[in-house]
N, C-alpha and C. Protein backbone atom coordinates (compact mmCIF):
# COMPACT_ATOMS: atom_id res chain seq x y z
N UNK A 1 22.59 -21.03 73.98
CA UNK A 1 22.12 -19.68 74.16
C UNK A 1 20.84 -19.67 74.98
N UNK A 2 19.94 -20.55 74.62
CA UNK A 2 18.65 -20.60 75.31
C UNK A 2 18.84 -20.98 76.77
N UNK A 3 19.79 -21.85 77.06
CA UNK A 3 20.04 -22.27 78.45
C UNK A 3 20.54 -21.07 79.26
N UNK A 4 21.42 -20.27 78.69
CA UNK A 4 21.92 -19.08 79.37
C UNK A 4 20.80 -18.09 79.65
N UNK A 5 19.91 -17.90 78.68
CA UNK A 5 18.77 -17.01 78.89
C UNK A 5 17.87 -17.55 80.00
N UNK A 6 17.65 -18.85 79.99
CA UNK A 6 16.77 -19.45 81.00
C UNK A 6 17.31 -19.22 82.41
N UNK A 7 18.59 -19.55 82.62
CA UNK A 7 19.14 -19.42 83.98
C UNK A 7 19.35 -17.96 84.38
N UNK A 8 19.59 -17.06 83.43
CA UNK A 8 19.77 -15.65 83.76
C UNK A 8 18.46 -14.97 84.14
N UNK A 9 17.37 -15.36 83.51
CA UNK A 9 16.10 -14.68 83.74
C UNK A 9 15.14 -15.44 84.66
N UNK A 10 15.50 -16.63 85.10
CA UNK A 10 14.62 -17.45 85.94
C UNK A 10 14.17 -16.72 87.21
N UNK A 11 15.03 -16.02 87.92
CA UNK A 11 14.55 -15.36 89.15
C UNK A 11 13.63 -14.16 88.89
N UNK A 12 13.65 -13.62 87.69
CA UNK A 12 12.93 -12.38 87.43
C UNK A 12 11.64 -12.54 86.63
N UNK A 13 11.55 -13.58 85.80
CA UNK A 13 10.43 -13.72 84.85
C UNK A 13 9.79 -15.09 85.04
N UNK A 14 8.50 -15.18 84.72
CA UNK A 14 7.76 -16.44 84.83
C UNK A 14 8.19 -17.44 83.77
N UNK A 15 7.71 -18.67 83.94
CA UNK A 15 8.12 -19.78 83.08
C UNK A 15 7.68 -19.58 81.64
N UNK A 16 6.46 -19.11 81.43
CA UNK A 16 5.97 -18.94 80.07
C UNK A 16 6.77 -17.87 79.32
N UNK A 17 7.05 -16.76 79.99
CA UNK A 17 7.81 -15.70 79.34
C UNK A 17 9.24 -16.13 79.05
N UNK A 18 9.83 -16.89 79.97
CA UNK A 18 11.19 -17.40 79.74
C UNK A 18 11.21 -18.32 78.52
N UNK A 19 10.18 -19.12 78.36
CA UNK A 19 10.11 -20.01 77.20
C UNK A 19 10.12 -19.23 75.89
N UNK A 20 9.34 -18.16 75.81
CA UNK A 20 9.32 -17.34 74.61
C UNK A 20 10.65 -16.63 74.39
N UNK A 21 11.26 -16.16 75.46
CA UNK A 21 12.55 -15.49 75.33
C UNK A 21 13.63 -16.46 74.86
N UNK A 22 13.56 -17.71 75.33
CA UNK A 22 14.52 -18.72 74.88
C UNK A 22 14.33 -19.02 73.39
N UNK A 23 13.08 -19.08 72.95
CA UNK A 23 12.80 -19.31 71.52
C UNK A 23 13.35 -18.16 70.69
N UNK A 24 13.10 -16.92 71.13
CA UNK A 24 13.60 -15.76 70.38
C UNK A 24 15.12 -15.68 70.41
N UNK A 25 15.73 -16.08 71.52
CA UNK A 25 17.18 -16.06 71.62
C UNK A 25 17.85 -17.12 70.76
N UNK A 26 17.19 -18.26 70.58
CA UNK A 26 17.76 -19.35 69.80
C UNK A 26 17.42 -19.25 68.31
N UNK A 27 16.44 -18.42 67.94
CA UNK A 27 16.00 -18.34 66.55
C UNK A 27 17.12 -17.93 65.58
N UNK A 28 17.96 -16.93 65.90
CA UNK A 28 19.03 -16.59 64.93
C UNK A 28 20.00 -17.74 64.68
N UNK A 29 20.29 -18.52 65.72
CA UNK A 29 21.20 -19.65 65.56
C UNK A 29 20.55 -20.77 64.76
N UNK A 30 19.25 -20.93 64.91
CA UNK A 30 18.53 -21.93 64.11
C UNK A 30 18.46 -21.48 62.66
N UNK A 31 18.30 -20.18 62.41
CA UNK A 31 18.24 -19.67 61.04
C UNK A 31 19.57 -19.83 60.32
N UNK A 32 20.67 -19.86 61.06
CA UNK A 32 21.99 -20.05 60.44
C UNK A 32 22.10 -21.39 59.74
N UNK A 33 21.28 -22.35 60.10
CA UNK A 33 21.30 -23.64 59.44
C UNK A 33 20.82 -23.58 58.00
N UNK A 34 20.06 -22.55 57.66
CA UNK A 34 19.54 -22.39 56.31
C UNK A 34 20.33 -21.40 55.49
N UNK A 35 21.37 -20.84 56.04
CA UNK A 35 22.16 -19.79 55.41
C UNK A 35 23.30 -20.38 54.59
N UNK A 36 23.42 -19.96 53.34
CA UNK A 36 24.59 -20.31 52.53
C UNK A 36 25.05 -19.07 51.78
N UNK A 37 26.34 -18.94 51.61
CA UNK A 37 26.94 -17.83 50.89
C UNK A 37 28.10 -18.37 50.07
N UNK A 38 28.02 -18.27 48.76
CA UNK A 38 29.03 -18.81 47.85
C UNK A 38 29.28 -20.29 48.13
N UNK A 39 28.23 -21.01 48.45
CA UNK A 39 28.35 -22.44 48.69
C UNK A 39 28.88 -22.82 50.05
N UNK A 40 29.10 -21.84 50.94
CA UNK A 40 29.60 -22.11 52.28
C UNK A 40 28.46 -22.00 53.29
N UNK A 41 28.53 -22.81 54.33
CA UNK A 41 27.57 -22.70 55.41
C UNK A 41 27.91 -21.50 56.28
N UNK A 42 27.02 -21.17 57.20
CA UNK A 42 27.24 -20.00 58.06
C UNK A 42 28.53 -20.15 58.88
N UNK A 43 28.80 -21.36 59.36
CA UNK A 43 30.01 -21.58 60.14
C UNK A 43 31.26 -21.35 59.31
N UNK A 44 31.23 -21.80 58.06
CA UNK A 44 32.39 -21.60 57.18
C UNK A 44 32.57 -20.13 56.84
N UNK A 45 31.47 -19.39 56.65
CA UNK A 45 31.56 -17.96 56.37
C UNK A 45 32.16 -17.23 57.57
N UNK A 46 31.69 -17.55 58.76
CA UNK A 46 32.21 -16.91 59.97
C UNK A 46 33.69 -17.24 60.17
N UNK A 47 34.08 -18.46 59.93
CA UNK A 47 35.48 -18.84 60.09
C UNK A 47 36.35 -18.13 59.05
N UNK A 48 35.89 -18.04 57.80
CA UNK A 48 36.65 -17.34 56.76
C UNK A 48 36.79 -15.86 57.11
N UNK A 49 35.74 -15.23 57.60
CA UNK A 49 35.81 -13.83 58.00
C UNK A 49 36.78 -13.66 59.17
N UNK A 50 36.70 -14.54 60.16
CA UNK A 50 37.57 -14.46 61.34
C UNK A 50 39.03 -14.59 60.94
N UNK A 51 39.32 -15.54 60.04
CA UNK A 51 40.70 -15.72 59.60
C UNK A 51 41.20 -14.51 58.84
N UNK A 52 40.38 -13.96 57.93
CA UNK A 52 40.86 -12.87 57.09
C UNK A 52 40.94 -11.54 57.83
N UNK A 53 40.09 -11.32 58.81
CA UNK A 53 40.06 -10.02 59.49
C UNK A 53 40.81 -10.02 60.83
N UNK A 54 40.87 -11.13 61.52
CA UNK A 54 41.45 -11.18 62.86
C UNK A 54 42.80 -11.90 62.87
N UNK A 55 42.84 -13.12 62.37
CA UNK A 55 44.06 -13.92 62.47
C UNK A 55 45.16 -13.50 61.50
N UNK A 56 44.80 -13.24 60.26
CA UNK A 56 45.82 -12.96 59.23
C UNK A 56 45.53 -11.67 58.47
N UNK A 57 45.34 -10.55 59.13
CA UNK A 57 45.09 -9.34 58.35
C UNK A 57 46.38 -8.86 57.69
N UNK A 58 46.25 -8.34 56.50
CA UNK A 58 47.42 -7.79 55.81
C UNK A 58 46.97 -6.62 54.95
N UNK A 59 47.88 -5.73 54.70
CA UNK A 59 47.59 -4.56 53.88
C UNK A 59 47.79 -4.93 52.42
N UNK A 60 46.77 -4.72 51.62
CA UNK A 60 46.85 -5.02 50.20
C UNK A 60 47.13 -3.72 49.44
N UNK A 61 48.13 -3.77 48.58
CA UNK A 61 48.51 -2.61 47.79
C UNK A 61 48.21 -2.93 46.34
N UNK A 62 47.50 -2.04 45.67
CA UNK A 62 47.14 -2.25 44.28
C UNK A 62 48.23 -1.66 43.39
N UNK A 63 48.76 -2.48 42.52
CA UNK A 63 49.73 -2.03 41.52
C UNK A 63 49.20 -2.46 40.16
N UNK A 64 48.88 -1.49 39.34
CA UNK A 64 48.29 -1.81 38.05
C UNK A 64 49.37 -2.19 37.04
N UNK A 65 48.99 -3.02 36.11
CA UNK A 65 49.84 -3.41 35.00
C UNK A 65 49.16 -2.94 33.72
N UNK A 66 49.85 -2.12 32.97
CA UNK A 66 49.31 -1.66 31.70
C UNK A 66 49.98 -2.45 30.58
N UNK A 67 49.29 -3.46 30.13
CA UNK A 67 49.85 -4.30 29.07
C UNK A 67 49.97 -3.53 27.76
N UNK A 68 49.04 -2.62 27.53
CA UNK A 68 49.10 -1.82 26.30
C UNK A 68 50.35 -0.94 26.32
N UNK A 69 50.62 -0.31 27.46
CA UNK A 69 51.80 0.54 27.56
C UNK A 69 53.07 -0.28 27.37
N UNK A 70 53.13 -1.44 27.98
CA UNK A 70 54.32 -2.30 27.83
C UNK A 70 54.52 -2.71 26.38
N UNK A 71 53.43 -2.99 25.66
CA UNK A 71 53.55 -3.39 24.27
C UNK A 71 53.96 -2.22 23.38
N UNK A 72 53.52 -1.02 23.75
CA UNK A 72 53.79 0.14 22.93
C UNK A 72 55.04 0.92 23.35
N UNK A 73 55.71 0.51 24.40
CA UNK A 73 56.87 1.24 24.91
C UNK A 73 57.95 1.48 23.85
N UNK A 74 58.35 0.47 23.06
CA UNK A 74 59.37 0.75 22.04
C UNK A 74 58.93 1.81 21.04
N UNK A 75 57.67 1.77 20.66
CA UNK A 75 57.18 2.77 19.70
C UNK A 75 57.11 4.14 20.34
N UNK A 76 56.76 4.20 21.61
CA UNK A 76 56.70 5.48 22.30
C UNK A 76 58.09 6.08 22.41
N UNK A 77 59.07 5.27 22.75
CA UNK A 77 60.45 5.76 22.85
C UNK A 77 60.98 6.23 21.50
N UNK A 78 60.56 5.53 20.44
CA UNK A 78 61.02 5.89 19.10
C UNK A 78 60.30 7.12 18.58
N UNK A 79 59.21 7.52 19.22
CA UNK A 79 58.47 8.69 18.79
C UNK A 79 57.59 8.44 17.60
N UNK A 80 57.21 7.19 17.39
CA UNK A 80 56.37 6.86 16.24
C UNK A 80 54.92 7.21 16.55
N UNK A 81 54.21 7.64 15.53
CA UNK A 81 52.79 7.95 15.66
C UNK A 81 52.03 7.14 14.63
N UNK A 82 50.77 6.87 14.92
CA UNK A 82 49.95 6.19 13.93
C UNK A 82 48.60 6.87 13.87
N UNK A 83 47.99 6.77 12.71
CA UNK A 83 46.65 7.30 12.53
C UNK A 83 45.67 6.21 12.91
N UNK A 84 44.51 6.61 13.36
CA UNK A 84 43.49 5.63 13.78
C UNK A 84 43.12 4.70 12.62
N UNK A 85 43.06 3.43 12.92
CA UNK A 85 42.63 2.45 11.95
C UNK A 85 43.73 1.94 11.03
N UNK A 86 44.91 2.55 11.08
CA UNK A 86 46.00 2.12 10.22
C UNK A 86 47.06 1.43 11.06
N UNK A 87 47.73 0.43 10.51
CA UNK A 87 48.81 -0.20 11.27
C UNK A 87 49.98 0.76 11.43
N UNK A 88 50.76 0.54 12.46
CA UNK A 88 51.88 1.43 12.74
C UNK A 88 52.99 1.21 11.73
N UNK A 89 53.58 2.31 11.27
CA UNK A 89 54.68 2.22 10.31
C UNK A 89 55.94 1.79 11.05
N UNK A 90 56.73 0.99 10.36
CA UNK A 90 57.99 0.57 10.95
C UNK A 90 58.99 1.69 10.82
N UNK A 91 59.80 1.83 11.86
CA UNK A 91 60.80 2.88 11.89
C UNK A 91 61.99 2.45 11.03
N UNK A 92 62.47 3.35 10.19
CA UNK A 92 63.58 2.99 9.30
C UNK A 92 64.93 3.18 9.97
N UNK A 93 65.01 4.06 10.96
CA UNK A 93 66.29 4.23 11.66
C UNK A 93 66.23 3.53 13.01
N UNK A 94 67.38 3.22 13.59
CA UNK A 94 67.46 2.44 14.80
C UNK A 94 67.52 3.34 16.03
N UNK A 95 66.42 4.02 16.33
CA UNK A 95 66.41 4.87 17.52
C UNK A 95 66.23 4.04 18.78
N UNK A 96 65.75 2.81 18.68
CA UNK A 96 65.58 1.94 19.83
C UNK A 96 66.95 1.57 20.43
N UNK A 97 67.92 1.34 19.55
CA UNK A 97 69.24 0.96 20.04
C UNK A 97 69.98 2.15 20.63
N UNK A 98 69.72 3.35 20.13
CA UNK A 98 70.43 4.52 20.63
C UNK A 98 69.80 5.06 21.90
N UNK A 99 68.57 4.73 22.18
CA UNK A 99 67.88 5.27 23.35
C UNK A 99 68.30 4.60 24.63
């Protein structure tokens, strides 16, 4: 990066100013050496982002699973009710088989 800045600005700016501009241009890349995110270096983070957003994007659809509803489905079909804090009464007739 600094080399590109040097050759691009050499005809327009003096040597001292080009030196400072090269330092400022290279500083973000030098700071990436100290960057970690979830145990990954900056290069690994950039590669993971590039893969997930550019190379392999996919549409994610959320489908919820209600485990409580699945567990209570037979009782709901049978029309059984329970009072809070009490265990559910067992149904004496076989409405599950007829439903």
